[in-house]
N, C-alpha and C. Protein backbone atom coordinates (compact mmCIF):
# COMPACT_ATOMS: atom_id res chain seq x y z
N MET A 1 40.27 35.59 81.22
CA MET A 1 40.64 34.09 80.57
C MET A 1 41.04 34.51 79.43
N ALA A 2 41.99 33.62 79.52
CA ALA A 2 42.36 33.89 77.15
C ALA A 2 41.71 32.42 76.80
N SER A 3 40.83 33.24 76.42
CA SER A 3 40.09 32.24 75.13
C SER A 3 41.08 30.71 74.52
N ARG A 4 40.99 29.94 75.13
CA ARG A 4 41.44 28.61 74.42
C ARG A 4 41.11 27.97 73.09
N THR A 5 41.76 27.90 72.04
CA THR A 5 41.09 27.52 70.99
C THR A 5 41.43 25.89 70.98
N ARG A 6 40.41 25.26 70.60
CA ARG A 6 40.29 23.44 70.45
C ARG A 6 40.98 22.98 69.41
N ARG A 7 42.10 22.72 69.02
CA ARG A 7 42.37 22.03 68.78
C ARG A 7 41.98 20.40 68.13
N GLN A 8 41.69 20.09 67.04
CA GLN A 8 41.38 18.82 66.54
C GLN A 8 41.78 18.06 65.95
N GLN A 9 42.51 17.20 66.39
CA GLN A 9 43.73 16.09 65.72
C GLN A 9 42.66 15.40 64.42
N ILE A 10 43.46 15.18 63.26
CA ILE A 10 43.17 14.40 62.32
C ILE A 10 43.45 13.08 62.39
N GLY A 11 42.78 12.79 62.53
CA GLY A 11 42.83 10.47 62.99
C GLY A 11 43.95 10.79 61.50
N VAL A 12 44.71 9.30 61.26
CA VAL A 12 45.38 9.13 59.76
C VAL A 12 44.42 7.46 60.13
N HIS A 13 43.62 7.90 58.65
CA HIS A 13 43.47 6.73 58.06
C HIS A 13 43.79 5.69 56.76
N VAL A 14 43.86 4.84 57.05
CA VAL A 14 44.87 4.34 55.52
C VAL A 14 42.99 3.17 55.45
N ASP A 15 42.95 3.21 54.04
CA ASP A 15 41.82 3.07 53.10
C ASP A 15 42.57 1.88 52.59
N MET A 16 42.22 0.43 53.37
CA MET A 16 42.21 -0.92 53.14
C MET A 16 41.97 -1.69 51.71
N THR A 17 40.54 -1.08 51.07
CA THR A 17 39.80 -1.65 50.30
C THR A 17 41.34 -2.14 48.64
N PRO A 18 41.97 -1.36 48.31
CA PRO A 18 42.93 -1.66 47.54
C PRO A 18 43.84 -2.57 47.69
N MET A 19 44.02 -2.59 49.16
CA MET A 19 45.06 -3.60 49.08
C MET A 19 44.06 -4.99 50.07
N VAL A 20 42.88 -5.04 50.03
CA VAL A 20 42.32 -6.31 49.88
C VAL A 20 41.80 -6.94 48.30
N ASP A 21 41.68 -5.92 47.56
CA ASP A 21 41.89 -5.91 46.37
C ASP A 21 42.72 -6.47 45.44
N VAL A 22 43.74 -6.22 45.81
CA VAL A 22 44.74 -6.56 45.38
C VAL A 22 45.38 -8.02 46.29
N MET A 23 45.03 -8.54 47.16
CA MET A 23 45.27 -9.77 47.49
C MET A 23 44.08 -10.71 47.29
N MET A 24 42.81 -10.08 46.73
CA MET A 24 41.58 -11.28 46.20
C MET A 24 42.42 -11.93 44.94
N LEU A 25 43.20 -10.67 44.38
CA LEU A 25 43.44 -11.32 42.94
C LEU A 25 44.62 -11.74 43.10
N LEU A 26 45.81 -11.80 44.12
CA LEU A 26 46.87 -12.53 43.72
C LEU A 26 46.04 -13.80 44.64
N VAL A 27 44.94 -14.23 44.99
CA VAL A 27 44.76 -15.68 45.75
C VAL A 27 44.00 -16.11 44.32
N ILE A 28 43.23 -15.27 43.75
CA ILE A 28 42.56 -16.02 42.56
C ILE A 28 43.60 -16.44 41.24
N PHE A 29 44.79 -15.61 41.42
CA PHE A 29 45.75 -16.20 40.24
C PHE A 29 46.48 -17.08 41.11
N PHE A 30 46.71 -18.11 42.08
CA PHE A 30 47.37 -18.81 42.83
C PHE A 30 46.19 -19.46 42.63
N MET A 31 45.55 -19.71 42.66
CA MET A 31 44.70 -20.78 43.07
C MET A 31 43.95 -21.09 41.33
N MET A 32 44.16 -20.15 40.81
CA MET A 32 44.35 -20.78 39.00
C MET A 32 45.64 -21.21 38.26
N THR A 33 46.56 -20.63 38.77
CA THR A 33 47.86 -21.44 38.50
C THR A 33 47.88 -22.57 38.94
N THR A 34 48.13 -22.86 40.35
CA THR A 34 47.83 -24.43 40.87
C THR A 34 46.95 -25.30 40.18
N ALA A 35 46.32 -24.84 39.36
CA ALA A 35 44.81 -25.38 38.53
C ALA A 35 46.16 -26.37 37.40
N PHE A 36 46.84 -25.87 37.43
CA PHE A 36 47.91 -26.21 35.86
C PHE A 36 48.63 -26.87 36.27
N VAL A 37 49.37 -27.59 37.38
CA VAL A 37 50.12 -28.10 37.71
C VAL A 37 50.03 -29.33 37.53
N THR A 38 51.03 -29.93 37.63
CA THR A 38 51.46 -31.37 37.29
C THR A 38 51.23 -32.02 38.46
N VAL A 39 51.06 -33.18 38.54
CA VAL A 39 50.52 -33.72 40.35
C VAL A 39 51.95 -34.24 40.94
N TYR A 40 52.86 -34.83 39.37
CA TYR A 40 53.95 -35.37 40.34
C TYR A 40 54.91 -34.17 39.81
N PRO A 41 55.55 -33.35 40.27
CA PRO A 41 56.65 -32.43 39.51
C PRO A 41 57.72 -32.69 39.85
N GLY A 42 58.38 -32.58 38.89
CA GLY A 42 60.08 -32.63 38.47
C GLY A 42 59.87 -34.21 37.64
N PHE A 43 58.73 -34.65 37.72
CA PHE A 43 58.46 -36.24 36.33
C PHE A 43 57.80 -36.00 35.49
N ALA A 44 58.53 -35.65 33.96
CA ALA A 44 57.96 -34.98 32.96
C ALA A 44 57.70 -36.77 32.55
N VAL A 45 56.46 -36.63 32.17
CA VAL A 45 56.10 -38.58 31.45
C VAL A 45 54.85 -38.50 30.20
N ASN A 46 55.32 -38.83 29.39
CA ASN A 46 54.72 -38.84 28.11
C ASN A 46 54.31 -39.80 27.79
N LEU A 47 52.89 -40.37 27.95
CA LEU A 47 52.72 -41.19 28.01
C LEU A 47 51.75 -41.60 27.19
N PRO A 48 51.99 -43.07 26.46
CA PRO A 48 51.95 -43.69 25.09
C PRO A 48 50.23 -43.39 24.91
N GLN A 49 49.80 -44.02 23.67
CA GLN A 49 48.21 -43.38 23.53
C GLN A 49 47.87 -44.71 23.40
N ALA A 50 46.36 -44.65 23.83
CA ALA A 50 45.60 -46.17 23.25
C ALA A 50 43.91 -45.31 23.49
N SER A 51 43.19 -46.43 23.08
CA SER A 51 41.75 -46.59 22.88
C SER A 51 40.71 -46.69 24.28
N ALA A 52 41.85 -47.47 24.86
CA ALA A 52 40.91 -48.09 26.54
C ALA A 52 40.43 -47.13 26.60
N GLU A 53 39.59 -47.67 27.63
CA GLU A 53 38.90 -46.65 28.34
C GLU A 53 39.78 -46.94 30.20
N LYS A 54 39.00 -45.74 30.68
CA LYS A 54 40.41 -45.29 32.14
C LYS A 54 39.77 -46.18 33.06
N GLN A 55 39.97 -46.89 34.00
CA GLN A 55 39.61 -47.50 35.23
C GLN A 55 39.71 -46.89 36.50
N ALA A 56 38.26 -46.66 37.44
CA ALA A 56 38.54 -46.22 38.11
C ALA A 56 38.23 -47.22 39.45
N GLU A 57 40.06 -47.27 40.14
CA GLU A 57 40.17 -47.85 41.64
C GLU A 57 41.12 -46.69 41.60
N LYS A 58 41.34 -47.43 43.57
CA LYS A 58 42.05 -47.03 43.51
C LYS A 58 43.62 -47.24 43.84
N GLN A 59 44.43 -47.09 43.47
CA GLN A 59 45.71 -47.07 42.52
C GLN A 59 46.77 -46.69 43.55
N ILE A 60 48.52 -47.49 43.34
CA ILE A 60 49.39 -47.35 43.26
C ILE A 60 49.64 -46.50 42.33
N VAL A 61 50.17 -45.56 42.19
CA VAL A 61 51.24 -44.79 41.03
C VAL A 61 52.72 -45.45 40.95
N VAL A 62 53.36 -45.78 40.28
CA VAL A 62 55.07 -46.00 40.21
C VAL A 62 55.14 -44.95 38.56
N LEU A 63 55.55 -44.33 38.59
CA LEU A 63 56.36 -43.17 37.44
C LEU A 63 57.36 -43.61 37.24
N ILE A 64 58.17 -43.96 35.91
CA ILE A 64 59.28 -43.75 35.49
C ILE A 64 59.16 -43.17 34.25
N ALA A 65 60.23 -42.32 35.22
CA ALA A 65 60.70 -40.76 33.81
C ALA A 65 61.86 -41.37 32.38
N LYS A 66 61.82 -40.39 31.91
CA LYS A 66 62.65 -41.13 30.77
C LYS A 66 63.76 -41.77 30.71
N ASP A 67 64.38 -40.89 31.51
CA ASP A 67 65.79 -40.91 31.84
C ASP A 67 66.06 -41.95 33.25
N GLY A 68 64.84 -43.21 33.39
CA GLY A 68 64.74 -44.03 34.36
C GLY A 68 64.45 -44.04 35.76
N ARG A 69 64.40 -42.36 35.82
CA ARG A 69 64.23 -42.62 37.70
C ARG A 69 62.80 -43.52 37.89
N ILE A 70 62.91 -43.60 38.77
CA ILE A 70 61.17 -44.53 39.51
C ILE A 70 60.55 -43.39 40.32
N ALA A 71 59.18 -43.11 41.29
CA ALA A 71 58.47 -42.49 41.96
C ALA A 71 57.66 -43.08 42.24
N VAL A 72 57.01 -43.88 43.64
CA VAL A 72 55.64 -44.46 43.71
C VAL A 72 55.12 -42.79 44.76
N ASN A 73 53.68 -42.65 44.33
CA ASN A 73 53.01 -42.05 44.22
C ASN A 73 53.53 -40.19 44.20
N GLY A 74 53.95 -40.07 43.58
CA GLY A 74 55.44 -38.77 43.39
C GLY A 74 56.50 -39.02 44.36
N GLN A 75 56.50 -39.79 45.25
CA GLN A 75 57.97 -40.00 46.45
C GLN A 75 58.88 -40.54 45.33
N PRO A 76 60.25 -40.09 45.14
CA PRO A 76 61.30 -40.75 44.01
C PRO A 76 61.82 -41.66 45.13
N VAL A 77 61.91 -42.78 44.98
CA VAL A 77 62.24 -44.14 45.11
C VAL A 77 63.73 -44.84 44.16
N ALA A 78 64.55 -45.42 45.16
CA ALA A 78 65.55 -46.12 43.98
C ALA A 78 64.79 -48.10 43.81
N LYS A 79 65.29 -48.54 42.66
CA LYS A 79 64.54 -49.54 41.88
C LYS A 79 65.10 -50.80 42.82
N GLU A 80 66.12 -50.39 44.25
CA GLU A 80 66.52 -51.86 44.65
C GLU A 80 64.98 -51.48 46.17
N GLN A 81 63.99 -50.16 46.97
CA GLN A 81 63.74 -49.75 47.27
C GLN A 81 62.17 -49.88 47.04
N LEU A 82 62.20 -50.13 45.88
CA LEU A 82 60.49 -49.80 45.25
C LEU A 82 59.73 -51.31 46.51
N ALA A 83 59.72 -52.22 45.96
CA ALA A 83 59.35 -53.18 46.73
C ALA A 83 58.38 -52.61 48.01
N ALA A 84 59.94 -52.67 48.86
CA ALA A 84 59.58 -52.47 50.39
C ALA A 84 59.02 -50.85 50.67
N ALA A 85 58.46 -49.80 49.67
CA ALA A 85 57.72 -48.83 49.47
C ALA A 85 56.27 -49.22 48.94
N VAL A 86 55.87 -50.39 47.97
CA VAL A 86 54.76 -50.51 47.50
C VAL A 86 54.13 -51.63 48.56
N ASN A 87 55.21 -52.13 49.63
CA ASN A 87 54.45 -53.65 50.72
C ASN A 87 54.11 -52.57 51.29
N GLY A 88 53.89 -51.52 51.43
CA GLY A 88 53.43 -50.95 52.89
C GLY A 88 52.33 -50.43 52.35
N MET A 89 51.38 -50.30 51.39
CA MET A 89 50.50 -49.57 50.95
C MET A 89 49.39 -50.85 50.68
N GLY A 90 49.33 -51.66 50.67
CA GLY A 90 47.87 -52.70 50.92
C GLY A 90 48.56 -53.42 49.95
N LYS A 91 47.76 -54.33 49.10
CA LYS A 91 47.33 -55.46 47.87
C LYS A 91 46.38 -54.59 47.17
N THR A 92 46.37 -53.25 46.33
CA THR A 92 45.99 -52.91 45.47
C THR A 92 46.32 -53.11 44.22
N THR A 93 45.96 -52.69 42.85
CA THR A 93 46.11 -52.75 41.70
C THR A 93 46.94 -51.66 41.44
N VAL A 94 48.79 -52.13 41.54
CA VAL A 94 49.73 -50.66 40.89
C VAL A 94 49.52 -50.37 39.11
N SER A 95 49.11 -49.09 39.25
CA SER A 95 49.25 -48.22 37.88
C SER A 95 51.22 -47.96 36.94
N ILE A 96 51.25 -48.70 35.92
CA ILE A 96 53.06 -47.78 35.91
C ILE A 96 52.68 -47.01 34.66
N GLN A 97 53.32 -45.79 35.29
CA GLN A 97 52.89 -44.53 34.21
C GLN A 97 54.46 -44.45 33.38
N ALA A 98 54.76 -45.16 32.81
CA ALA A 98 55.80 -44.74 31.99
C ALA A 98 56.25 -44.19 30.95
N ASP A 99 56.71 -43.30 30.83
CA ASP A 99 57.58 -42.35 29.47
C ASP A 99 57.47 -43.00 28.30
N LYS A 100 56.36 -42.91 27.05
CA LYS A 100 57.14 -43.20 26.21
C LYS A 100 58.36 -43.94 25.33
N GLU A 101 58.98 -42.79 25.74
CA GLU A 101 60.04 -43.32 25.39
C GLU A 101 61.71 -43.58 26.21
N THR A 102 60.71 -44.72 27.70
CA THR A 102 61.40 -45.29 28.63
C THR A 102 61.65 -46.40 27.85
N SER A 103 63.43 -46.81 28.10
CA SER A 103 63.31 -48.70 27.82
C SER A 103 62.41 -49.84 27.98
N HIS A 104 62.20 -50.47 27.27
CA HIS A 104 61.42 -51.41 27.56
C HIS A 104 61.82 -52.19 28.87
N GLY A 105 63.32 -51.89 29.04
CA GLY A 105 64.17 -53.19 30.26
C GLY A 105 63.84 -52.71 31.57
N ARG A 106 63.82 -51.04 31.58
CA ARG A 106 63.34 -50.26 32.71
C ARG A 106 61.99 -50.71 33.37
N VAL A 107 60.79 -50.83 32.48
CA VAL A 107 59.58 -51.22 32.66
C VAL A 107 59.88 -52.42 33.07
N VAL A 108 60.35 -53.05 32.66
CA VAL A 108 60.15 -54.60 33.40
C VAL A 108 60.80 -55.14 34.86
N GLU A 109 61.92 -53.96 34.54
CA GLU A 109 62.73 -54.50 35.90
C GLU A 109 61.62 -53.70 36.91
N VAL A 110 60.56 -52.40 36.93
CA VAL A 110 59.84 -52.31 37.80
C VAL A 110 58.41 -53.59 38.25
N MET A 111 58.40 -53.49 36.77
CA MET A 111 57.17 -55.22 36.87
C MET A 111 57.64 -56.31 37.63
N ASP A 112 59.56 -56.56 37.75
CA ASP A 112 59.88 -57.71 38.39
C ASP A 112 59.76 -57.39 39.79
N GLU A 113 60.21 -56.15 40.11
CA GLU A 113 59.75 -55.59 41.64
C GLU A 113 58.53 -55.61 41.89
N MET A 114 57.71 -55.65 41.22
CA MET A 114 56.56 -54.91 41.90
C MET A 114 56.15 -57.12 42.33
N HIS A 115 56.27 -57.80 41.33
CA HIS A 115 56.25 -58.65 41.05
C HIS A 115 56.46 -60.10 42.91
N LYS A 116 58.01 -59.39 43.28
CA LYS A 116 58.19 -59.64 44.19
C LYS A 116 57.61 -58.65 45.32
N ALA A 117 56.93 -57.99 45.36
CA ALA A 117 56.23 -57.47 46.39
C ALA A 117 54.89 -58.05 46.74
N GLY A 118 54.90 -58.78 45.59
CA GLY A 118 53.04 -59.70 45.78
C GLY A 118 52.72 -58.74 44.97
N ILE A 119 52.62 -57.63 44.26
CA ILE A 119 51.52 -57.30 43.72
C ILE A 119 50.86 -58.34 42.17
N SER A 120 49.79 -58.27 42.35
CA SER A 120 49.52 -59.29 41.04
C SER A 120 48.53 -58.40 40.25
N LYS A 121 48.15 -57.53 40.41
CA LYS A 121 47.33 -56.75 39.63
C LYS A 121 48.47 -55.62 39.06
N LEU A 122 48.37 -55.89 37.85
CA LEU A 122 49.51 -54.36 37.03
C LEU A 122 48.50 -53.73 36.08
N ALA A 123 48.45 -52.17 35.87
CA ALA A 123 48.31 -51.51 34.88
C ALA A 123 49.12 -50.41 33.81
N ILE A 124 49.88 -50.92 32.74
CA ILE A 124 49.89 -50.33 32.27
C ILE A 124 49.34 -48.86 31.41
N ALA A 125 49.17 -47.54 32.08
CA ALA A 125 48.98 -46.26 31.93
C ALA A 125 49.45 -45.71 30.52
N ILE A 126 47.99 -45.51 30.21
CA ILE A 126 48.41 -44.76 28.60
C ILE A 126 47.36 -43.57 28.28
N GLU A 127 47.82 -42.73 27.52
CA GLU A 127 47.05 -41.60 27.39
C GLU A 127 46.08 -41.53 26.33
N GLN A 128 44.78 -41.49 26.29
CA GLN A 128 43.77 -41.76 25.26
C GLN A 128 44.04 -40.59 24.12
N LYS A 129 43.68 -41.56 22.92
CA LYS A 129 44.06 -40.72 22.13
C LYS A 129 43.26 -39.73 21.29
N GLY A 130 43.88 -38.89 20.34
CA GLY A 130 42.98 -37.72 20.48
C GLY A 130 42.60 -36.12 21.66
N ARG A 131 43.84 -36.58 22.56
CA ARG A 131 43.80 -35.70 23.71
C ARG A 131 45.05 -34.82 22.84
């Protein structure tokens, strides 16, 4: 009989350690960069400064951009739909965050729509001095 030599098959092994390291670095990178994302993307609002203290209460946030666009809690709405958008959220305080370069008339229009919606508590958001 002829002697048969056994052939050993070498298994292919892919080392996953470098891929896990890269994935962990990506996860850390995305976690860190999302911490610096603005709360309401698309609306760059520069608040005026004052020395008043920040109030801790559940609020509806109405953003008014420099160009007059309006958003309620980050969702863009037209001025005509503003009262309807706020009505369904309950009777709480409305915080108006208007850009410091927004026209005074636009802020008054938004305040008038809040009055029509039955909102009696309005707050004008400011940025703390020295920040």
